[in-house]
Amino acid sequence: MVTKTVVIYVFLDELFKSMGHKEPINRKTTDSEIATTLLIAAQYFGGNIEKATGFVRGTCL
């Protein structure tokens, strides 16, 4: 699941960059990280964002 999460992140990050997406400067988390966490929450954790966030933090992604 870690590998799939990394692939999702890289895809979203490249997609946002190709669209010319600008990140807010006052945040520590990127939009790619947020979108990845939401997608893995939906796919692997039954929509539970807290569990997905715990997974991301626990695996140091």
Protein backbone atom coordinates (compact mmCIF):
# COMPACT_ATOMS: atom_id res chain seq x y z
CA MET A 1 0.00 0.00 0.00
CA VAL A 2 2.95 2.34 0.60
CA THR A 3 4.08 2.00 -3.01
CA LYS A 4 0.59 2.75 -4.31
CA THR A 5 0.38 5.80 -2.06
CA VAL A 6 3.68 7.13 -3.38
CA VAL A 7 2.52 6.57 -6.97
CA ILE A 8 -0.72 8.45 -6.28
CA TYR A 9 1.22 11.32 -4.71
CA VAL A 10 3.69 11.61 -7.60
CA PHE A 11 0.86 11.49 -10.15
CA LEU A 12 -1.12 14.22 -8.38
CA ASP A 13 1.96 16.37 -7.84
CA GLU A 14 2.89 16.20 -11.52
CA LEU A 15 -0.72 16.84 -12.53
CA PHE A 16 -0.96 19.94 -10.36
CA LYS A 17 2.37 21.22 -11.70
CA SER A 18 1.32 20.66 -15.32
CA MET A 19 -1.86 22.63 -14.66
CA GLY A 20 0.18 25.56 -13.34
CA HIS A 21 -1.29 25.15 -9.86
CA LYS A 22 0.12 27.58 -7.28
CA GLU A 23 0.52 26.45 -3.68
CA PRO A 24 -0.39 28.82 -0.85
CA ILE A 25 2.79 30.06 0.82
CA ASN A 26 1.38 29.98 4.35
CA ARG A 27 0.94 26.18 4.59
CA LYS A 28 3.33 23.36 5.49
CA THR A 29 1.30 20.73 3.62
CA THR A 30 1.02 20.67 -0.17
CA ASP A 31 -2.21 20.20 -2.06
CA SER A 32 -0.76 16.97 -3.46
CA GLU A 33 -0.32 15.62 0.08
CA ILE A 34 -3.86 16.60 1.04
CA ALA A 35 -5.40 15.08 -2.10
CA THR A 36 -3.37 11.88 -1.67
CA THR A 37 -4.50 11.52 1.94
CA LEU A 38 -8.13 11.99 0.91
CA LEU A 39 -7.85 9.43 -1.88
CA ILE A 40 -6.23 6.77 0.30
CA ALA A 41 -8.83 7.47 2.99
CA ALA A 42 -11.56 6.72 0.47
CA GLN A 43 -9.82 3.70 -1.06
CA TYR A 44 -8.30 1.93 1.94
CA PHE A 45 -9.84 3.30 5.13
CA GLY A 46 -13.57 3.53 4.38
CA GLY A 47 -13.41 7.31 4.13
CA ASN A 48 -11.82 7.71 7.57
CA ILE A 49 -9.45 10.64 7.13
CA GLU A 50 -7.96 10.29 10.63
CA LYS A 51 -6.90 6.70 9.93
CA ALA A 52 -5.41 7.73 6.58
CA THR A 53 -3.53 10.58 8.24
CA GLY A 54 -2.24 8.16 10.86
CA PHE A 55 -1.06 5.82 8.12
CA VAL A 56 0.76 8.63 6.31
CA ARG A 57 2.45 9.80 9.51
CA GLY A 58 3.21 6.27 10.67
CA THR A 59 4.96 5.36 7.44
CA CYS A 60 6.81 8.72 7.28
CA LEU A 61 5.40 9.56 3.86
